[in-house]
Structure formats: C-alpha cells, structure tokens
PDB file of N, CA and C in Angstrom:
ATOM      1  N   UNK A   1      18.344   4.825 -26.778  1.00  0.00           N
ATOM      2  CA  UNK A   1      17.238   4.612 -26.471  1.00  0.00           C
ATOM      3  C   UNK A   1      16.698   4.986 -25.272  1.00  0.00           C
ATOM      4  N   UNK A   2      16.055   5.905 -24.624  1.00  0.00           N
ATOM      5  CA  UNK A   2      15.565   6.084 -23.506  1.00  0.00           C
ATOM      6  C   UNK A   2      14.916   5.181 -22.753  1.00  0.00           C
ATOM      7  N   UNK A   3      15.092   5.098 -21.343  1.00  0.00           N
ATOM      8  CA  UNK A   3      14.197   3.626 -20.838  1.00  0.00           C
ATOM      9  C   UNK A   3      13.876   4.426 -19.449  1.00  0.00           C
ATOM     10  N   UNK A   4      12.517   4.332 -19.089  1.00  0.00           N
ATOM     11  CA  UNK A   4      11.992   5.093 -17.841  1.00  0.00           C
ATOM     12  C   UNK A   4      11.343   4.346 -16.870  1.00  0.00           C
ATOM     13  N   UNK A   5      11.423   4.785 -15.917  1.00  0.00           N
ATOM     14  CA  UNK A   5      11.277   4.288 -14.367  1.00  0.00           C
ATOM     15  C   UNK A   5       9.858   5.035 -14.164  1.00  0.00           C
ATOM     16  N   UNK A   6       8.455   3.959 -13.698  1.00  0.00           N
ATOM     17  CA  UNK A   6       7.351   4.567 -13.253  1.00  0.00           C
ATOM     18  C   UNK A   6       6.948   3.907 -12.025  1.00  0.00           C
ATOM     19  N   UNK A   7       6.115   5.027 -11.461  1.00  0.00           N
ATOM     20  CA  UNK A   7       5.575   4.168 -10.236  1.00  0.00           C
ATOM     21  C   UNK A   7       4.293   5.132  -9.688  1.00  0.00           C
ATOM     22  N   UNK A   8       3.130   4.300  -9.355  1.00  0.00           N
ATOM     23  CA  UNK A   8       1.904   5.321  -8.955  1.00  0.00           C
ATOM     24  C   UNK A   8       2.174   5.538  -7.345  1.00  0.00           C
ATOM     25  N   UNK A   9       3.052   5.054  -6.884  1.00  0.00           N
ATOM     26  CA  UNK A   9       3.316   5.396  -5.595  1.00  0.00           C
ATOM     27  C   UNK A   9       3.938   6.796  -4.878  1.00  0.00           C
ATOM     28  N   UNK A  10       3.161   7.672  -4.349  1.00  0.00           N
ATOM     29  CA  UNK A  10       3.592   8.989  -4.140  1.00  0.00           C
ATOM     30  C   UNK A  10       4.842   8.654  -3.152  1.00  0.00           C
ATOM     31  N   UNK A  11       4.497   8.015  -2.092  1.00  0.00           N
ATOM     32  CA  UNK A  11       5.648   8.045  -1.302  1.00  0.00           C
ATOM     33  C   UNK A  11       7.109   7.636  -1.883  1.00  0.00           C
ATOM     34  N   UNK A  12       6.914   6.500  -2.629  1.00  0.00           N
ATOM     35  CA  UNK A  12       8.040   6.494  -3.709  1.00  0.00           C
ATOM     36  C   UNK A  12       8.772   7.352  -4.376  1.00  0.00           C
ATOM     37  N   UNK A  13       7.829   8.206  -5.118  1.00  0.00           N
ATOM     38  CA  UNK A  13       7.951   9.228  -5.822  1.00  0.00           C
ATOM     39  C   UNK A  13       8.497  10.141  -5.165  1.00  0.00           C
ATOM     40  N   UNK A  14       8.041  10.267  -4.043  1.00  0.00           N
ATOM     41  CA  UNK A  14       8.700  11.521  -3.011  1.00  0.00           C
ATOM     42  C   UNK A  14      10.245  11.196  -2.589  1.00  0.00           C
ATOM     43  N   UNK A  15      10.612  10.211  -2.552  1.00  0.00           N
ATOM     44  CA  UNK A  15      11.902   9.377  -2.010  1.00  0.00           C
ATOM     45  C   UNK A  15      12.869   9.987  -3.332  1.00  0.00           C
ATOM     46  N   UNK A  16      12.416   9.201  -4.282  1.00  0.00           N
ATOM     47  CA  UNK A  16      13.195   9.506  -5.570  1.00  0.00           C
ATOM     48  C   UNK A  16      13.605  11.085  -5.861  1.00  0.00           C
ATOM     49  N   UNK A  17      12.304  11.462  -5.707  1.00  0.00           N
ATOM     50  CA  UNK A  17      12.971  13.010  -6.227  1.00  0.00           C
ATOM     51  C   UNK A  17      13.956  13.703  -5.069  1.00  0.00           C
ATOM     52  N   UNK A  18      13.471  13.155  -3.732  1.00  0.00           N
ATOM     53  CA  UNK A  18      14.607  13.775  -2.522  1.00  0.00           C
ATOM     54  C   UNK A  18      16.043  12.937  -2.935  1.00  0.00           C
ATOM     55  N   UNK A  19      16.216  12.124  -3.599  1.00  0.00           N
ATOM     56  CA  UNK A  19      17.249  11.297  -3.844  1.00  0.00           C
ATOM     57  C   UNK A  19      17.934  11.752  -4.931  1.00  0.00           C
ATOM     58  N   UNK A  20      17.480  12.878  -5.706  1.00  0.00           N
ATOM     59  CA  UNK A  20      17.913  13.590  -6.935  1.00  0.00           C
ATOM     60  C   UNK A  20      17.445  12.939  -8.168  1.00  0.00           C
ATOM     61  N   UNK A  21      16.781  11.743  -8.438  1.00  0.00           N
ATOM     62  CA  UNK A  21      16.192  10.985  -9.621  1.00  0.00           C
ATOM     63  C   UNK A  21      15.470  12.154 -10.433  1.00  0.00           C
ATOM     64  N   UNK A  22      15.718  12.321 -11.541  1.00  0.00           N
ATOM     65  CA  UNK A  22      15.032  13.392 -12.677  1.00  0.00           C
ATOM     66  C   UNK A  22      13.312  12.775 -12.809  1.00  0.00           C
ATOM     67  N   UNK A  23      12.456  13.590 -12.334  1.00  0.00           N
ATOM     68  CA  UNK A  23      11.204  13.439 -12.764  1.00  0.00           C
ATOM     69  C   UNK A  23      10.365  13.918 -14.367  1.00  0.00           C
ATOM     70  N   UNK A  24      10.238  13.205 -14.773  1.00  0.00           N
ATOM     71  CA  UNK A  24      10.014  13.378 -16.700  1.00  0.00           C
ATOM     72  C   UNK A  24       8.723  13.837 -16.706  1.00  0.00           C
ATOM     73  N   UNK A  25       7.483  13.282 -15.678  1.00  0.00           N
ATOM     74  CA  UNK A  25       6.260  13.677 -16.197  1.00  0.00           C
ATOM     75  C   UNK A  25       5.431  12.901 -15.233  1.00  0.00           C
ATOM     76  N   UNK A  26       4.088  13.779 -14.919  1.00  0.00           N
ATOM     77  CA  UNK A  26       3.277  13.091 -14.153  1.00  0.00           C
ATOM     78  C   UNK A  26       1.947  12.505 -15.200  1.00  0.00           C
ATOM     79  N   UNK A  27       1.994  11.463 -15.376  1.00  0.00           N
ATOM     80  CA  UNK A  27       1.034  10.965 -16.377  1.00  0.00           C
ATOM     81  C   UNK A  27      -0.658  11.097 -15.810  1.00  0.00           C
ATOM     82  N   UNK A  28      -1.297  11.859 -16.217  1.00  0.00           N
ATOM     83  CA  UNK A  28      -2.588  12.042 -15.328  1.00  0.00           C
ATOM     84  C   UNK A  28      -3.871  11.463 -16.348  1.00  0.00           C
ATOM     85  N   UNK A  29      -3.163  10.806 -17.238  1.00  0.00           N
ATOM     86  CA  UNK A  29      -4.443   9.861 -18.218  1.00  0.00           C
ATOM     87  C   UNK A  29      -5.098   9.225 -17.554  1.00  0.00           C
ATOM     88  N   UNK A  30      -5.154   8.315 -16.466  1.00  0.00           N
ATOM     89  CA  UNK A  30      -6.007   8.004 -15.778  1.00  0.00           C
ATOM     90  C   UNK A  30      -6.562   9.116 -14.572  1.00  0.00           C
ATOM     91  N   UNK A  31      -7.870   9.241 -14.730  1.00  0.00           N
ATOM     92  CA  UNK A  31      -8.397   9.790 -13.936  1.00  0.00           C
ATOM     93  C   UNK A  31      -8.322   9.524 -12.213  1.00  0.00           C
ATOM     94  N   UNK A  32      -8.224   8.383 -11.973  1.00  0.00           N
ATOM     95  CA  UNK A  32      -8.510   7.690 -10.561  1.00  0.00           C
ATOM     96  C   UNK A  32      -7.053   7.831  -9.695  1.00  0.00           C
ATOM     97  N   UNK A  33      -5.755   7.962 -10.626  1.00  0.00           N
ATOM     98  CA  UNK A  33      -4.547   8.088 -10.222  1.00  0.00           C
ATOM     99  C   UNK A  33      -3.680   8.669 -11.221  1.00  0.00           C
ATOM    100  N   UNK A  34      -2.159   8.684 -10.516  1.00  0.00           N
ATOM    101  CA  UNK A  34      -1.439   9.812 -11.346  1.00  0.00           C
ATOM    102  C   UNK A  34      -0.117   8.642 -11.325  1.00  0.00           C
ATOM    103  N   UNK A  35       0.836   8.663 -12.691  1.00  0.00           N
ATOM    104  CA  UNK A  35       1.891   7.722 -12.797  1.00  0.00           C
ATOM    105  C   UNK A  35       2.972   9.096 -12.858  1.00  0.00           C
ATOM    106  N   UNK A  36       3.936   8.505 -11.748  1.00  0.00           N
ATOM    107  CA  UNK A  36       5.019   9.448 -11.908  1.00  0.00           C
ATOM    108  C   UNK A  36       6.289   8.625 -12.872  1.00  0.00           C
ATOM    109  N   UNK A  37       6.631   9.271 -13.834  1.00  0.00           N
ATOM    110  CA  UNK A  37       7.596   8.730 -14.598  1.00  0.00           C
ATOM    111  C   UNK A  37       9.233   9.583 -14.454  1.00  0.00           C
ATOM    112  N   UNK A  38      10.024   8.822 -14.133  1.00  0.00           N
ATOM    113  CA  UNK A  38      11.340   8.959 -14.281  1.00  0.00           C
ATOM    114  C   UNK A  38      12.290   8.411 -15.043  1.00  0.00           C
ATOM    115  N   UNK A  39      13.561   9.330 -15.443  1.00  0.00           N
ATOM    116  CA  UNK A  39      14.547   8.659 -16.396  1.00  0.00           C
ATOM    117  C   UNK A  39      15.010   7.180 -15.678  1.00  0.00           C
ATOM    118  N   UNK A  40      15.098   6.295 -16.127  1.00  0.00           N
ATOM    119  CA  UNK A  40      15.956   5.221 -15.698  1.00  0.00           C
ATOM    120  C   UNK A  40      17.369   5.498 -15.550  1.00  0.00           C
ATOM    121  N   UNK A  41      18.029   5.533 -14.182  1.00  0.00           N
ATOM    122  CA  UNK A  41      19.185   5.804 -14.133  1.00  0.00           C
ATOM    123  C   UNK A  41      19.971   4.768 -13.199  1.00  0.00           C
ATOM    124  N   UNK A  42      21.482   5.051 -12.942  1.00  0.00           N
ATOM    125  CA  UNK A  42      22.039   3.954 -12.169  1.00  0.00           C
ATOM    126  C   UNK A  42      21.501   4.009 -10.493  1.00  0.00           C
ATOM    127  N   UNK A  43      21.194   3.091  -9.893  1.00  0.00           N
ATOM    128  CA  UNK A  43      20.876   2.852  -8.774  1.00  0.00           C
ATOM    129  C   UNK A  43      19.217   3.071  -8.211  1.00  0.00           C
ATOM    130  N   UNK A  44      18.612   3.411  -9.245  1.00  0.00           N
ATOM    131  CA  UNK A  44      16.977   3.557  -8.949  1.00  0.00           C
ATOM    132  C   UNK A  44      16.094   2.526  -8.505  1.00  0.00           C
ATOM    133  N   UNK A  45      16.842   1.355  -9.216  1.00  0.00           N
ATOM    134  CA  UNK A  45      16.077  -0.007  -8.602  1.00  0.00           C
ATOM    135  C   UNK A  45      16.312  -0.059  -7.181  1.00  0.00           C
ATOM    136  N   UNK A  46      17.714  -0.151  -6.831  1.00  0.00           N
ATOM    137  CA  UNK A  46      17.889  -0.217  -5.595  1.00  0.00           C
ATOM    138  C   UNK A  46      17.408   0.979  -4.654  1.00  0.00           C
ATOM    139  N   UNK A  47      17.466   2.016  -4.829  1.00  0.00           N
ATOM    140  CA  UNK A  47      16.425   3.001  -4.266  1.00  0.00           C
ATOM    141  C   UNK A  47      15.167   2.450  -3.943  1.00  0.00           C
ATOM    142  N   UNK A  48      14.224   2.212  -5.008  1.00  0.00           N
ATOM    143  CA  UNK A  48      13.313   1.601  -4.558  1.00  0.00           C
ATOM    144  C   UNK A  48      13.112   0.313  -3.731  1.00  0.00           C
ATOM    145  N   UNK A  49      13.800  -0.684  -3.905  1.00  0.00           N
ATOM    146  CA  UNK A  49      14.214  -1.594  -2.988  1.00  0.00           C
ATOM    147  C   UNK A  49      14.370  -1.456  -1.713  1.00  0.00           C
ATOM    148  N   UNK A  50      14.865  -0.505  -1.623  1.00  0.00           N
ATOM    149  CA  UNK A  50      15.543   0.253  -0.160  1.00  0.00           C
ATOM    150  C   UNK A  50      14.186   0.774   0.280  1.00  0.00           C
ATOM    151  N   UNK A  51      13.460   1.551  -0.505  1.00  0.00           N
ATOM    152  CA  UNK A  51      12.419   2.379   0.061  1.00  0.00           C
ATOM    153  C   UNK A  51      11.052   1.090   0.321  1.00  0.00           C
ATOM    154  N   UNK A  52      10.898   0.179  -0.485  1.00  0.00           N
ATOM    155  CA  UNK A  52      10.099  -1.088  -0.018  1.00  0.00           C
ATOM    156  C   UNK A  52      10.805  -1.556   1.387  1.00  0.00           C
ATOM    157  N   UNK A  53      11.677  -2.206   1.369  1.00  0.00           N
ATOM    158  CA  UNK A  53      12.501  -2.619   2.437  1.00  0.00           C
ATOM    159  C   UNK A  53      12.643  -1.728   3.929  1.00  0.00           C
ATOM    160  N   UNK A  54      12.066  -0.324   3.643  1.00  0.00           N
ATOM    161  CA  UNK A  54      12.139   0.325   4.871  1.00  0.00           C
ATOM    162  C   UNK A  54      13.492   1.036   5.333  1.00  0.00           C
ATOM    163  N   UNK A  55      14.574   0.899   4.376  1.00  0.00           N
ATOM    164  CA  UNK A  55      15.818   1.086   4.614  1.00  0.00           C
ATOM    165  C   UNK A  55      16.526   2.486   3.875  1.00  0.00           C
ATOM    166  N   UNK A  56      15.413   3.333   3.781  1.00  0.00           N
ATOM    167  CA  UNK A  56      16.235   4.651   3.266  1.00  0.00           C
ATOM    168  C   UNK A  56      16.213   5.519   4.495  1.00  0.00           C
ATOM    169  N   UNK A  57      17.236   6.501   4.318  1.00  0.00           N
ATOM    170  CA  UNK A  57      17.272   7.594   5.562  1.00  0.00           C
ATOM    171  C   UNK A  57      17.553   8.848   4.716  1.00  0.00           C
ATOM    172  N   UNK A  58      16.565   9.764   5.200  1.00  0.00           N
ATOM    173  CA  UNK A  58      16.500  10.974   4.465  1.00  0.00           C
ATOM    174  C   UNK A  58      16.095  12.233   5.700  1.00  0.00           C
ATOM    175  N   UNK A  59      16.710  13.144   5.032  1.00  0.00           N
ATOM    176  CA  UNK A  59      16.233  14.492   5.852  1.00  0.00           C
ATOM    177  C   UNK A  59      14.699  14.679   5.825  1.00  0.00           C
ATOM    178  N   UNK A  60      13.766  14.440   6.948  1.00  0.00           N
ATOM    179  CA  UNK A  60      12.284  14.492   7.353  1.00  0.00           C
ATOM    180  C   UNK A  60      11.884  15.973   6.374  1.00  0.00           C
ATOM    181  N   UNK A  61      12.518  16.965   6.793  1.00  0.00           N
ATOM    182  CA  UNK A  61      12.003  18.538   6.497  1.00  0.00           C
ATOM    183  C   UNK A  61      11.729  18.746   4.668  1.00  0.00           C
ATOM    184  N   UNK A  62      13.208  18.149   4.267  1.00  0.00           N
ATOM    185  CA  UNK A  62      13.252  17.862   2.539  1.00  0.00           C
ATOM    186  C   UNK A  62      12.186  17.029   2.142  1.00  0.00           C
ATOM    187  N   UNK A  63      11.977  15.785   2.644  1.00  0.00           N
ATOM    188  CA  UNK A  63      11.195  14.647   2.236  1.00  0.00           C
ATOM    189  C   UNK A  63       9.879  15.123   2.052  1.00  0.00           C
ATOM    190  N   UNK A  64       9.536  15.947   3.172  1.00  0.00           N
ATOM    191  CA  UNK A  64       7.834  16.599   3.052  1.00  0.00           C
ATOM    192  C   UNK A  64       7.647  17.705   2.384  1.00  0.00           C
ATOM    193  N   UNK A  65       8.791  18.480   1.839  1.00  0.00           N
ATOM    194  CA  UNK A  65       8.790  19.620   1.155  1.00  0.00           C
ATOM    195  C   UNK A  65       8.562  18.984  -0.252  1.00  0.00           C
ATOM    196  N   UNK A  66       9.181  18.053  -0.720  1.00  0.00           N
ATOM    197  CA  UNK A  66       9.128  17.431  -2.047  1.00  0.00           C
ATOM    198  C   UNK A  66       7.779  16.644  -2.357  1.00  0.00           C
ATOM    199  N   UNK A  67       7.266  16.198  -1.134  1.00  0.00           N
ATOM    200  CA  UNK A  67       5.968  15.335  -1.127  1.00  0.00           C
ATOM    201  C   UNK A  67       4.695  16.831  -1.442  1.00  0.00           C
ATOM    202  N   UNK A  68       5.088  17.761  -0.505  1.00  0.00           N
ATOM    203  CA  UNK A  68       4.049  18.794  -0.958  1.00  0.00           C
ATOM    204  C   UNK A  68       4.359  19.444  -2.424  1.00  0.00           C
ATOM    205  N   UNK A  69       5.528  19.384  -2.961  1.00  0.00           N
ATOM    206  CA  UNK A  69       5.703  20.000  -4.210  1.00  0.00           C
ATOM    207  C   UNK A  69       4.828  19.016  -5.278  1.00  0.00           C
ATOM    208  N   UNK A  70       5.165  17.787  -5.096  1.00  0.00           N
ATOM    209  CA  UNK A  70       4.561  16.712  -5.878  1.00  0.00           C
ATOM    210  C   UNK A  70       3.152  16.566  -5.911  1.00  0.00           C
ATOM    211  N   UNK A  71       2.266  17.075  -4.653  1.00  0.00           N
ATOM    212  CA  UNK A  71       0.762  17.119  -4.575  1.00  0.00           C
ATOM    213  C   UNK A  71       0.296  18.441  -5.250  1.00  0.00           C
ATOM    214  N   UNK A  72       0.967  19.392  -4.942  1.00  0.00           N
ATOM    215  CA  UNK A  72       0.676  20.519  -5.828  1.00  0.00           C
ATOM    216  C   UNK A  72       0.749  20.277  -7.453  1.00  0.00           C
ATOM    217  N   UNK A  73       1.998  19.646  -7.960  1.00  0.00           N
ATOM    218  CA  UNK A  73       1.873  19.078  -9.298  1.00  0.00           C
ATOM    219  C   UNK A  73       0.571  18.639  -9.787  1.00  0.00           C
ATOM    220  N   UNK A  74       0.036  17.447  -8.591  1.00  0.00           N
ATOM    221  CA  UNK A  74      -0.847  16.613  -8.872  1.00  0.00           C
ATOM    222  C   UNK A  74      -2.058  17.412  -8.954  1.00  0.00           C
ATOM    223  N   UNK A  75      -2.401  18.347  -8.442  1.00  0.00           N
ATOM    224  CA  UNK A  75      -3.730  18.989  -8.157  1.00  0.00           C
ATOM    225  C   UNK A  75      -3.659  20.215  -9.287  1.00  0.00           C
ATOM    226  N   UNK A  76      -2.538  20.725 -10.145  1.00  0.00           N
ATOM    227  CA  UNK A  76      -2.611  21.608 -10.710  1.00  0.00           C
ATOM    228  C   UNK A  76      -3.248  21.565 -12.331  1.00  0.00           C
ATOM    229  N   UNK A  77      -3.521  22.315 -12.877  1.00  0.00           N
ATOM    230  CA  UNK A  77      -4.245  22.099 -13.750  1.00  0.00           C
ATOM    231  C   UNK A  77      -3.210  21.605 -15.091  1.00  0.00           C
ATOM    232  N   UNK A  78      -2.221  22.068 -14.746  1.00  0.00           N
ATOM    233  CA  UNK A  78      -0.976  21.932 -16.072  1.00  0.00           C
ATOM    234  C   UNK A  78      -0.258  20.683 -15.801  1.00  0.00           C
TER     235      UNK A  78
END
C-alpha cells in the first residue's frame, strides 16, 4: 500500500525536492492553493521537522532553481 506525504507550503516542497524526495503530483483541485504530494519515504518527516526548526542547509542556487521549477509547474496549464 502506497503512502503519501503532502503539504501546501511551497518552501517545504522546494526543500523536499532539493533533498531528492519524489514529487508525485501537484493537486490543483482547490483554486486558491496547490497541494504538493510526495511519496512517503524514510526521512521525509525528519526533513519536514528540520525545515520548520530552521536546521536545513542546502545549496542556495539549487534551492531557488527548484522553487522556480515548482512555480512554473503551478502556473502551467498541465
């Protein structure tokens, strides 16, 4: 049985993508916000906690490039 981790937070989604977690879909059923759906994998909950506790250290350029990619996906028609 597959399990999923989801968030509406763009910053957290960007961090998870940068850390290599698999983004499965962008759920756009709510016209006011997007839900980022990831495969639940080992360590993803700890990564979320580290994000909220400001304990994440990532390459800035990679982080911003991934955020740009996610924004492009949000605003695309697909």
